[in-house]
Amino acid sequence: MDNVKLQRAKERVEEIKTFYSKVTSAIVTIIIVAAINYYLNEWRYAWFLWVVFGLSISLFLKAIKIYNFNPFLGRDWEERKMKEFLNQEENKQRWN
């Protein structure tokens, strides 16, 4: 049981580390694209904001997954459902 918990903790740390690297990458990308936008048309049309919008949505969805903001289908829900099904199977075996 302890090995399972340790493995889950390692996976979680790795997911969070990957998320932070993606945030850093997104920030660098936005800075580069904003600089290109300024160089080409000096903010007359701020098209780089579309890049910001797309990256923001992507990071938001990844954050929801990593930090379990989804109350309906998060890891806790999966564990509860698995325990529920195991209990149902156990009860069926007792009566058969």
PDB file of N, CA and C in Angstrom:
ATOM      1  N   MET A   1       0.822  -1.197   0.000  1.00  0.00           N
ATOM      2  CA  MET A   1       0.000   0.000   0.000  1.00  0.00           C
ATOM      3  C   MET A   1       0.864   1.259   0.000  1.00  0.00           C
ATOM      4  N   ASP A   2       1.958   1.234   0.756  1.00  0.00           N
ATOM      5  CA  ASP A   2       2.827   2.403   0.807  1.00  0.00           C
ATOM      6  C   ASP A   2       3.515   2.659  -0.525  1.00  0.00           C
ATOM      7  N   ASN A   3       3.843   1.579  -1.239  1.00  0.00           N
ATOM      8  CA  ASN A   3       4.465   1.749  -2.553  1.00  0.00           C
ATOM      9  C   ASN A   3       3.515   2.408  -3.534  1.00  0.00           C
ATOM     10  N   VAL A   4       2.242   2.080  -3.439  1.00  0.00           N
ATOM     11  CA  VAL A   4       1.238   2.681  -4.315  1.00  0.00           C
ATOM     12  C   VAL A   4       1.128   4.176  -4.034  1.00  0.00           C
ATOM     13  N   LYS A   5       1.091   4.529  -2.750  1.00  0.00           N
ATOM     14  CA  LYS A   5       1.006   5.948  -2.380  1.00  0.00           C
ATOM     15  C   LYS A   5       2.253   6.704  -2.819  1.00  0.00           C
ATOM     16  N   LEU A   6       3.404   6.092  -2.645  1.00  0.00           N
ATOM     17  CA  LEU A   6       4.655   6.721  -3.054  1.00  0.00           C
ATOM     18  C   LEU A   6       4.686   6.922  -4.563  1.00  0.00           C
ATOM     19  N   GLN A   7       4.234   5.928  -5.299  1.00  0.00           N
ATOM     20  CA  GLN A   7       4.201   6.033  -6.761  1.00  0.00           C
ATOM     21  C   GLN A   7       3.242   7.138  -7.202  1.00  0.00           C
ATOM     22  N   ARG A   8       2.076   7.216  -6.579  1.00  0.00           N
ATOM     23  CA  ARG A   8       1.125   8.287  -6.909  1.00  0.00           C
ATOM     24  C   ARG A   8       1.706   9.658  -6.609  1.00  0.00           C
ATOM     25  N   ALA A   9       2.390   9.780  -5.478  1.00  0.00           N
ATOM     26  CA  ALA A   9       3.000  11.058  -5.111  1.00  0.00           C
ATOM     27  C   ALA A   9       4.062  11.454  -6.132  1.00  0.00           C
ATOM     28  N   LYS A  10       4.872  10.485  -6.564  1.00  0.00           N
ATOM     29  CA  LYS A  10       5.889  10.777  -7.573  1.00  0.00           C
ATOM     30  C   LYS A  10       5.251  11.219  -8.886  1.00  0.00           C
ATOM     31  N   GLU A  11       4.189  10.547  -9.297  1.00  0.00           N
ATOM     32  CA  GLU A  11       3.498  10.904 -10.534  1.00  0.00           C
ATOM     33  C   GLU A  11       2.910  12.306 -10.439  1.00  0.00           C
ATOM     34  N   ARG A  12       2.349  12.608  -9.290  1.00  0.00           N
ATOM     35  CA  ARG A  12       1.741  13.933  -9.087  1.00  0.00           C
ATOM     36  C   ARG A  12       2.796  15.033  -9.144  1.00  0.00           C
ATOM     37  N   VAL A  13       3.921  14.810  -8.496  1.00  0.00           N
ATOM     38  CA  VAL A  13       5.010  15.792  -8.526  1.00  0.00           C
ATOM     39  C   VAL A  13       5.500  15.979  -9.964  1.00  0.00           C
ATOM     40  N   GLU A  14       5.608  14.905 -10.697  1.00  0.00           N
ATOM     41  CA  GLU A  14       6.056  14.986 -12.090  1.00  0.00           C
ATOM     42  C   GLU A  14       5.048  15.758 -12.939  1.00  0.00           C
ATOM     43  N   GLU A  15       3.755  15.529 -12.720  1.00  0.00           N
ATOM     44  CA  GLU A  15       2.721  16.268 -13.456  1.00  0.00           C
ATOM     45  C   GLU A  15       2.806  17.758 -13.160  1.00  0.00           C
ATOM     46  N   ILE A  16       2.982  18.111 -11.892  1.00  0.00           N
ATOM     47  CA  ILE A  16       3.061  19.523 -11.513  1.00  0.00           C
ATOM     48  C   ILE A  16       4.315  20.158 -12.093  1.00  0.00           C
ATOM     49  N   LYS A  17       5.421  19.439 -12.064  1.00  0.00           N
ATOM     50  CA  LYS A  17       6.666  19.952 -12.630  1.00  0.00           C
ATOM     51  C   LYS A  17       6.504  20.207 -14.132  1.00  0.00           C
ATOM     52  N   THR A  18       5.864  19.278 -14.819  1.00  0.00           N
ATOM     53  CA  THR A  18       5.610  19.441 -16.249  1.00  0.00           C
ATOM     54  C   THR A  18       4.704  20.647 -16.509  1.00  0.00           C
ATOM     55  N   PHE A  19       3.705  20.819 -15.670  1.00  0.00           N
ATOM     56  CA  PHE A  19       2.797  21.957 -15.817  1.00  0.00           C
ATOM     57  C   PHE A  19       3.558  23.273 -15.671  1.00  0.00           C
ATOM     58  N   TYR A  20       4.411  23.378 -14.665  1.00  0.00           N
ATOM     59  CA  TYR A  20       5.175  24.612 -14.464  1.00  0.00           C
ATOM     60  C   TYR A  20       6.109  24.886 -15.640  1.00  0.00           C
ATOM     61  N   SER A  21       6.671  23.849 -16.222  1.00  0.00           N
ATOM     62  CA  SER A  21       7.528  24.065 -17.388  1.00  0.00           C
ATOM     63  C   SER A  21       6.695  24.548 -18.577  1.00  0.00           C
ATOM     64  N   LYS A  22       5.457  24.068 -18.689  1.00  0.00           N
ATOM     65  CA  LYS A  22       4.579  24.538 -19.766  1.00  0.00           C
ATOM     66  C   LYS A  22       4.175  25.997 -19.556  1.00  0.00           C
ATOM     67  N   VAL A  23       3.969  26.389 -18.304  1.00  0.00           N
ATOM     68  CA  VAL A  23       3.651  27.792 -18.008  1.00  0.00           C
ATOM     69  C   VAL A  23       4.834  28.675 -18.398  1.00  0.00           C
ATOM     70  N   THR A  24       6.033  28.257 -18.026  1.00  0.00           N
ATOM     71  CA  THR A  24       7.233  29.016 -18.377  1.00  0.00           C
ATOM     72  C   THR A  24       7.389  29.116 -19.887  1.00  0.00           C
ATOM     73  N   SER A  25       7.175  28.018 -20.575  1.00  0.00           N
ATOM     74  CA  SER A  25       7.261  28.005 -22.029  1.00  0.00           C
ATOM     75  C   SER A  25       6.227  28.932 -22.661  1.00  0.00           C
ATOM     76  N   ALA A  26       5.021  28.944 -22.112  1.00  0.00           N
ATOM     77  CA  ALA A  26       3.970  29.809 -22.634  1.00  0.00           C
ATOM     78  C   ALA A  26       4.338  31.278 -22.451  1.00  0.00           C
ATOM     79  N   ILE A  27       4.905  31.618 -21.302  1.00  0.00           N
ATOM     80  CA  ILE A  27       5.301  33.006 -21.052  1.00  0.00           C
ATOM     81  C   ILE A  27       6.383  33.440 -22.041  1.00  0.00           C
ATOM     82  N   VAL A  28       7.379  32.596 -22.258  1.00  0.00           N
ATOM     83  CA  VAL A  28       8.441  32.914 -23.216  1.00  0.00           C
ATOM     84  C   VAL A  28       7.859  33.066 -24.617  1.00  0.00           C
ATOM     85  N   THR A  29       6.953  32.168 -24.991  1.00  0.00           N
ATOM     86  CA  THR A  29       6.319  32.242 -26.308  1.00  0.00           C
ATOM     87  C   THR A  29       5.542  33.547 -26.470  1.00  0.00           C
ATOM     88  N   ILE A  30       4.803  33.943 -25.450  1.00  0.00           N
ATOM     89  CA  ILE A  30       4.023  35.178 -25.518  1.00  0.00           C
ATOM     90  C   ILE A  30       4.944  36.381 -25.670  1.00  0.00           C
ATOM     91  N   ILE A  31       6.046  36.400 -24.938  1.00  0.00           N
ATOM     92  CA  ILE A  31       6.995  37.520 -25.042  1.00  0.00           C
ATOM     93  C   ILE A  31       7.573  37.604 -26.451  1.00  0.00           C
ATOM     94  N   ILE A  32       7.948  36.468 -27.010  1.00  0.00           N
ATOM     95  CA  ILE A  32       8.512  36.462 -28.363  1.00  0.00           C
ATOM     96  C   ILE A  32       7.481  36.913 -29.386  1.00  0.00           C
ATOM     97  N   VAL A  33       6.275  36.381 -29.297  1.00  0.00           N
ATOM     98  CA  VAL A  33       5.231  36.737 -30.262  1.00  0.00           C
ATOM     99  C   VAL A  33       4.848  38.213 -30.108  1.00  0.00           C
ATOM    100  N   ALA A  34       4.791  38.719 -28.883  1.00  0.00           N
ATOM    101  CA  ALA A  34       4.485  40.135 -28.666  1.00  0.00           C
ATOM    102  C   ALA A  34       5.584  41.023 -29.262  1.00  0.00           C
ATOM    103  N   ALA A  35       6.828  40.602 -29.106  1.00  0.00           N
ATOM    104  CA  ALA A  35       7.931  41.377 -29.689  1.00  0.00           C
ATOM    105  C   ALA A  35       7.836  41.395 -31.215  1.00  0.00           C
ATOM    106  N   ILE A  36       7.510  40.254 -31.804  1.00  0.00           N
ATOM    107  CA  ILE A  36       7.344  40.196 -33.264  1.00  0.00           C
ATOM    108  C   ILE A  36       6.182  41.084 -33.689  1.00  0.00           C
ATOM    109  N   ASN A  37       5.092  41.036 -32.954  1.00  0.00           N
ATOM    110  CA  ASN A  37       3.927  41.871 -33.254  1.00  0.00           C
ATOM    111  C   ASN A  37       4.308  43.351 -33.199  1.00  0.00           C
ATOM    112  N   TYR A  38       5.025  43.749 -32.183  1.00  0.00           N
ATOM    113  CA  TYR A  38       5.432  45.151 -32.061  1.00  0.00           C
ATOM    114  C   TYR A  38       6.384  45.540 -33.188  1.00  0.00           C
ATOM    115  N   TYR A  39       7.300  44.669 -33.514  1.00  0.00           N
ATOM    116  CA  TYR A  39       8.279  44.965 -34.571  1.00  0.00           C
ATOM    117  C   TYR A  39       7.595  45.117 -35.934  1.00  0.00           C
ATOM    118  N   LEU A  40       6.586  44.306 -36.198  1.00  0.00           N
ATOM    119  CA  LEU A  40       5.936  44.341 -37.510  1.00  0.00           C
ATOM    120  C   LEU A  40       4.963  45.500 -37.681  1.00  0.00           C
ATOM    121  N   ASN A  41       4.170  45.815 -36.636  1.00  0.00           N
ATOM    122  CA  ASN A  41       3.171  46.868 -36.838  1.00  0.00           C
ATOM    123  C   ASN A  41       2.971  47.794 -35.646  1.00  0.00           C
ATOM    124  N   GLU A  42       3.866  47.773 -34.695  1.00  0.00           N
ATOM    125  CA  GLU A  42       3.857  48.689 -33.545  1.00  0.00           C
ATOM    126  C   GLU A  42       2.482  48.794 -32.872  1.00  0.00           C
ATOM    127  N   TRP A  43       1.885  47.672 -32.578  1.00  0.00           N
ATOM    128  CA  TRP A  43       0.626  47.550 -31.835  1.00  0.00           C
ATOM    129  C   TRP A  43      -0.595  48.114 -32.585  1.00  0.00           C
ATOM    130  N   ARG A  44      -0.499  48.395 -33.882  1.00  0.00           N
ATOM    131  CA  ARG A  44      -1.697  48.854 -34.602  1.00  0.00           C
ATOM    132  C   ARG A  44      -2.770  47.758 -34.592  1.00  0.00           C
ATOM    133  N   TYR A  45      -2.345  46.530 -34.716  1.00  0.00           N
ATOM    134  CA  TYR A  45      -3.257  45.395 -34.553  1.00  0.00           C
ATOM    135  C   TYR A  45      -2.552  44.391 -33.656  1.00  0.00           C
ATOM    136  N   ALA A  46      -3.070  44.235 -32.460  1.00  0.00           N
ATOM    137  CA  ALA A  46      -2.426  43.367 -31.463  1.00  0.00           C
ATOM    138  C   ALA A  46      -2.860  41.913 -31.668  1.00  0.00           C
ATOM    139  N   TRP A  47      -2.396  41.303 -32.755  1.00  0.00           N
ATOM    140  CA  TRP A  47      -2.777  39.923 -33.068  1.00  0.00           C
ATOM    141  C   TRP A  47      -2.154  38.933 -32.103  1.00  0.00           C
ATOM    142  N   PHE A  48      -1.116  39.331 -31.389  1.00  0.00           N
ATOM    143  CA  PHE A  48      -0.489  38.411 -30.438  1.00  0.00           C
ATOM    144  C   PHE A  48      -1.449  38.029 -29.307  1.00  0.00           C
ATOM    145  N   LEU A  49      -2.499  38.853 -29.101  1.00  0.00           N
ATOM    146  CA  LEU A  49      -3.473  38.529 -28.057  1.00  0.00           C
ATOM    147  C   LEU A  49      -4.234  37.243 -28.364  1.00  0.00           C
ATOM    148  N   TRP A  50      -4.340  36.874 -29.640  1.00  0.00           N
ATOM    149  CA  TRP A  50      -4.960  35.596 -29.992  1.00  0.00           C
ATOM    150  C   TRP A  50      -4.098  34.434 -29.492  1.00  0.00           C
ATOM    151  N   VAL A  51      -2.787  34.610 -29.569  1.00  0.00           N
ATOM    152  CA  VAL A  51      -1.873  33.593 -29.052  1.00  0.00           C
ATOM    153  C   VAL A  51      -2.027  33.497 -27.528  1.00  0.00           C
ATOM    154  N   VAL A  52      -2.101  34.659 -26.875  1.00  0.00           N
ATOM    155  CA  VAL A  52      -2.294  34.691 -25.418  1.00  0.00           C
ATOM    156  C   VAL A  52      -3.593  33.983 -25.054  1.00  0.00           C
ATOM    157  N   PHE A  53      -4.652  34.249 -25.796  1.00  0.00           N
ATOM    158  CA  PHE A  53      -5.950  33.635 -25.544  1.00  0.00           C
ATOM    159  C   PHE A  53      -5.875  32.113 -25.681  1.00  0.00           C
ATOM    160  N   GLY A  54      -5.274  31.632 -26.744  1.00  0.00           N
ATOM    161  CA  GLY A  54      -5.167  30.188 -26.965  1.00  0.00           C
ATOM    162  C   GLY A  54      -4.323  29.498 -25.909  1.00  0.00           C
ATOM    163  N   LEU A  55      -3.183  30.085 -25.580  1.00  0.00           N
ATOM    164  CA  LEU A  55      -2.317  29.489 -24.557  1.00  0.00           C
ATOM    165  C   LEU A  55      -2.987  29.519 -23.187  1.00  0.00           C
ATOM    166  N   SER A  56      -3.735  30.578 -22.916  1.00  0.00           N
ATOM    167  CA  SER A  56      -4.427  30.670 -21.626  1.00  0.00           C
ATOM    168  C   SER A  56      -5.472  29.571 -21.469  1.00  0.00           C
ATOM    169  N   ILE A  57      -6.227  29.330 -22.513  1.00  0.00           N
ATOM    170  CA  ILE A  57      -7.231  28.258 -22.466  1.00  0.00           C
ATOM    171  C   ILE A  57      -6.545  26.909 -22.257  1.00  0.00           C
ATOM    172  N   SER A  58      -5.474  26.674 -22.987  1.00  0.00           N
ATOM    173  CA  SER A  58      -4.743  25.411 -22.866  1.00  0.00           C
ATOM    174  C   SER A  58      -4.210  25.216 -21.449  1.00  0.00           C
ATOM    175  N   LEU A  59      -3.584  26.240 -20.886  1.00  0.00           N
ATOM    176  CA  LEU A  59      -3.039  26.134 -19.529  1.00  0.00           C
ATOM    177  C   LEU A  59      -4.145  25.977 -18.491  1.00  0.00           C
ATOM    178  N   PHE A  60      -5.255  26.648 -18.709  1.00  0.00           N
ATOM    179  CA  PHE A  60      -6.380  26.527 -17.782  1.00  0.00           C
ATOM    180  C   PHE A  60      -6.913  25.101 -17.746  1.00  0.00           C
ATOM    181  N   LEU A  61      -7.068  24.502 -18.906  1.00  0.00           N
ATOM    182  CA  LEU A  61      -7.566  23.122 -18.967  1.00  0.00           C
ATOM    183  C   LEU A  61      -6.574  22.142 -18.337  1.00  0.00           C
ATOM    184  N   LYS A  62      -5.288  22.377 -18.537  1.00  0.00           N
ATOM    185  CA  LYS A  62      -4.278  21.515 -17.916  1.00  0.00           C
ATOM    186  C   LYS A  62      -4.278  21.682 -16.400  1.00  0.00           C
ATOM    187  N   ALA A  63      -4.467  22.916 -15.932  1.00  0.00           N
ATOM    188  CA  ALA A  63      -4.515  23.173 -14.484  1.00  0.00           C
ATOM    189  C   ALA A  63      -5.713  22.476 -13.860  1.00  0.00           C
ATOM    190  N   ILE A  64      -6.847  22.496 -14.539  1.00  0.00           N
ATOM    191  CA  ILE A  64      -8.034  21.803 -14.037  1.00  0.00           C
ATOM    192  C   ILE A  64      -7.734  20.318 -13.851  1.00  0.00           C
ATOM    193  N   LYS A  65      -7.055  19.737 -14.822  1.00  0.00           N
ATOM    194  CA  LYS A  65      -6.737  18.310 -14.741  1.00  0.00           C
ATOM    195  C   LYS A  65      -5.744  18.021 -13.616  1.00  0.00           C
ATOM    196  N   ILE A  66      -4.695  18.799 -13.535  1.00  0.00           N
ATOM    197  CA  ILE A  66      -3.632  18.530 -12.568  1.00  0.00           C
ATOM    198  C   ILE A  66      -4.072  18.789 -11.134  1.00  0.00           C
ATOM    199  N   TYR A  67      -4.772  19.882 -10.909  1.00  0.00           N
ATOM    200  CA  TYR A  67      -5.144  20.251  -9.547  1.00  0.00           C
ATOM    201  C   TYR A  67      -6.538  19.757  -9.147  1.00  0.00           C
ATOM    202  N   ASN A  68      -7.130  18.894  -9.959  1.00  0.00           N
ATOM    203  CA  ASN A  68      -8.422  18.259  -9.656  1.00  0.00           C
ATOM    204  C   ASN A  68      -9.519  19.271  -9.340  1.00  0.00           C
ATOM    205  N   PHE A  69      -9.656  20.294 -10.184  1.00  0.00           N
ATOM    206  CA  PHE A  69     -10.725  21.269  -9.995  1.00  0.00           C
ATOM    207  C   PHE A  69     -12.073  20.725 -10.442  1.00  0.00           C
ATOM    208  N   ASN A  70     -12.069  19.655 -11.210  1.00  0.00           N
ATOM    209  CA  ASN A  70     -13.304  19.080 -11.709  1.00  0.00           C
ATOM    210  C   ASN A  70     -13.899  18.178 -10.626  1.00  0.00           C
ATOM    211  N   PRO A  71     -14.977  18.618  -9.984  1.00  0.00           N
ATOM    212  CA  PRO A  71     -15.532  17.830  -8.885  1.00  0.00           C
ATOM    213  C   PRO A  71     -16.257  16.569  -9.351  1.00  0.00           C
ATOM    214  N   PHE A  72     -16.586  16.470 -10.619  1.00  0.00           N
ATOM    215  CA  PHE A  72     -17.386  15.352 -11.097  1.00  0.00           C
ATOM    216  C   PHE A  72     -16.537  14.162 -11.522  1.00  0.00           C
ATOM    217  N   LEU A  73     -15.436  14.409 -12.191  1.00  0.00           N
ATOM    218  CA  LEU A  73     -14.662  13.300 -12.746  1.00  0.00           C
ATOM    219  C   LEU A  73     -13.188  13.363 -12.366  1.00  0.00           C
ATOM    220  N   GLY A  74     -12.883  13.807 -11.178  1.00  0.00           N
ATOM    221  CA  GLY A  74     -11.502  13.875 -10.719  1.00  0.00           C
ATOM    222  C   GLY A  74     -11.024  12.533 -10.205  1.00  0.00           C
ATOM    223  N   ARG A  75      -9.810  12.524  -9.684  1.00  0.00           N
ATOM    224  CA  ARG A  75      -9.239  11.277  -9.162  1.00  0.00           C
ATOM    225  C   ARG A  75     -10.021  10.764  -7.963  1.00  0.00           C
ATOM    226  N   ASP A  76     -10.483  11.685  -7.130  1.00  0.00           N
ATOM    227  CA  ASP A  76     -11.261  11.262  -5.967  1.00  0.00           C
ATOM    228  C   ASP A  76     -12.522  10.531  -6.410  1.00  0.00           C
ATOM    229  N   TRP A  77     -13.150  11.024  -7.457  1.00  0.00           N
ATOM    230  CA  TRP A  77     -14.357  10.392  -7.976  1.00  0.00           C
ATOM    231  C   TRP A  77     -14.036   8.985  -8.464  1.00  0.00           C
ATOM    232  N   GLU A  78     -12.928   8.845  -9.177  1.00  0.00           N
ATOM    233  CA  GLU A  78     -12.539   7.528  -9.680  1.00  0.00           C
ATOM    234  C   GLU A  78     -12.337   6.548  -8.526  1.00  0.00           C
ATOM    235  N   GLU A  79     -11.643   6.988  -7.494  1.00  0.00           N
ATOM    236  CA  GLU A  79     -11.394   6.114  -6.351  1.00  0.00           C
ATOM    237  C   GLU A  79     -12.688   5.736  -5.640  1.00  0.00           C
ATOM    238  N   ARG A  80     -13.578   6.698  -5.465  1.00  0.00           N
ATOM    239  CA  ARG A  80     -14.874   6.409  -4.822  1.00  0.00           C
ATOM    240  C   ARG A  80     -15.667   5.398  -5.634  1.00  0.00           C
ATOM    241  N   LYS A  81     -15.686   5.566  -6.944  1.00  0.00           N
ATOM    242  CA  LYS A  81     -16.434   4.643  -7.805  1.00  0.00           C
ATOM    243  C   LYS A  81     -15.824   3.243  -7.765  1.00  0.00           C
ATOM    244  N   MET A  82     -14.504   3.163  -7.782  1.00  0.00           N
ATOM    245  CA  MET A  82     -13.860   1.850  -7.730  1.00  0.00           C
ATOM    246  C   MET A  82     -14.190   1.153  -6.415  1.00  0.00           C
ATOM    247  N   LYS A  83     -14.137   1.886  -5.313  1.00  0.00           N
ATOM    248  CA  LYS A  83     -14.480   1.296  -4.016  1.00  0.00           C
ATOM    249  C   LYS A  83     -15.943   0.859  -3.990  1.00  0.00           C
ATOM    250  N   GLU A  84     -16.802   1.675  -4.589  1.00  0.00           N
ATOM    251  CA  GLU A  84     -18.225   1.337  -4.639  1.00  0.00           C
ATOM    252  C   GLU A  84     -18.435   0.035  -5.411  1.00  0.00           C
ATOM    253  N   PHE A  85     -17.808  -0.097  -6.566  1.00  0.00           N
ATOM    254  CA  PHE A  85     -17.961  -1.308  -7.367  1.00  0.00           C
ATOM    255  C   PHE A  85     -17.352  -2.518  -6.668  1.00  0.00           C
ATOM    256  N   LEU A  86     -16.218  -2.339  -5.999  1.00  0.00           N
ATOM    257  CA  LEU A  86     -15.615  -3.444  -5.261  1.00  0.00           C
ATOM    258  C   LEU A  86     -16.531  -3.891  -4.124  1.00  0.00           C
ATOM    259  N   ASN A  87     -17.154  -2.942  -3.439  1.00  0.00           N
ATOM    260  CA  ASN A  87     -18.090  -3.284  -2.367  1.00  0.00           C
ATOM    261  C   ASN A  87     -19.302  -4.026  -2.913  1.00  0.00           C
ATOM    262  N   GLN A  88     -19.793  -3.601  -4.069  1.00  0.00           N
ATOM    263  CA  GLN A  88     -20.931  -4.288  -4.683  1.00  0.00           C
ATOM    264  C   GLN A  88     -20.565  -5.724  -5.029  1.00  0.00           C
ATOM    265  N   GLU A  89     -19.402  -5.925  -5.600  1.00  0.00           N
ATOM    266  CA  GLU A  89     -18.965  -7.273  -5.951  1.00  0.00           C
ATOM    267  C   GLU A  89     -18.795  -8.130  -4.698  1.00  0.00           C
ATOM    268  N   GLU A  90     -18.260  -7.535  -3.663  1.00  0.00           N
ATOM    269  CA  GLU A  90     -18.061  -8.259  -2.406  1.00  0.00           C
ATOM    270  C   GLU A  90     -19.405  -8.693  -1.822  1.00  0.00           C
ATOM    271  N   ASN A  91     -20.383  -7.795  -1.869  1.00  0.00           N
ATOM    272  CA  ASN A  91     -21.716  -8.110  -1.352  1.00  0.00           C
ATOM    273  C   ASN A  91     -22.386  -9.209  -2.177  1.00  0.00           C
ATOM    274  N   LYS A  92     -22.185  -9.198  -3.476  1.00  0.00           N
ATOM    275  CA  LYS A  92     -22.765 -10.242  -4.337  1.00  0.00           C
ATOM    276  C   LYS A  92     -22.166 -11.606  -4.002  1.00  0.00           C
ATOM    277  N   GLN A  93     -20.881 -11.627  -3.765  1.00  0.00           N
ATOM    278  CA  GLN A  93     -20.224 -12.900  -3.445  1.00  0.00           C
ATOM    279  C   GLN A  93     -20.667 -13.445  -2.098  1.00  0.00           C
ATOM    280  N   ARG A  94     -20.983 -12.589  -1.163  1.00  0.00           N
ATOM    281  CA  ARG A  94     -21.437 -13.039   0.144  1.00  0.00           C
ATOM    282  C   ARG A  94     -22.787 -13.753   0.046  1.00  0.00           C
ATOM    283  N   TRP A  95     -23.639 -13.294  -0.837  1.00  0.00           N
ATOM    284  CA  TRP A  95     -24.988 -13.852  -0.919  1.00  0.00           C
ATOM    285  C   TRP A  95     -25.082 -15.005  -1.886  1.00  0.00           C
ATOM    286  N   ASN A  96     -24.041 -15.266  -2.636  1.00  0.00           N
ATOM    287  CA  ASN A  96     -24.090 -16.401  -3.581  1.00  0.00           C
ATOM    288  C   ASN A  96     -23.517 -17.650  -2.994  1.00  0.00           C
TER     289      ASN A  96
END
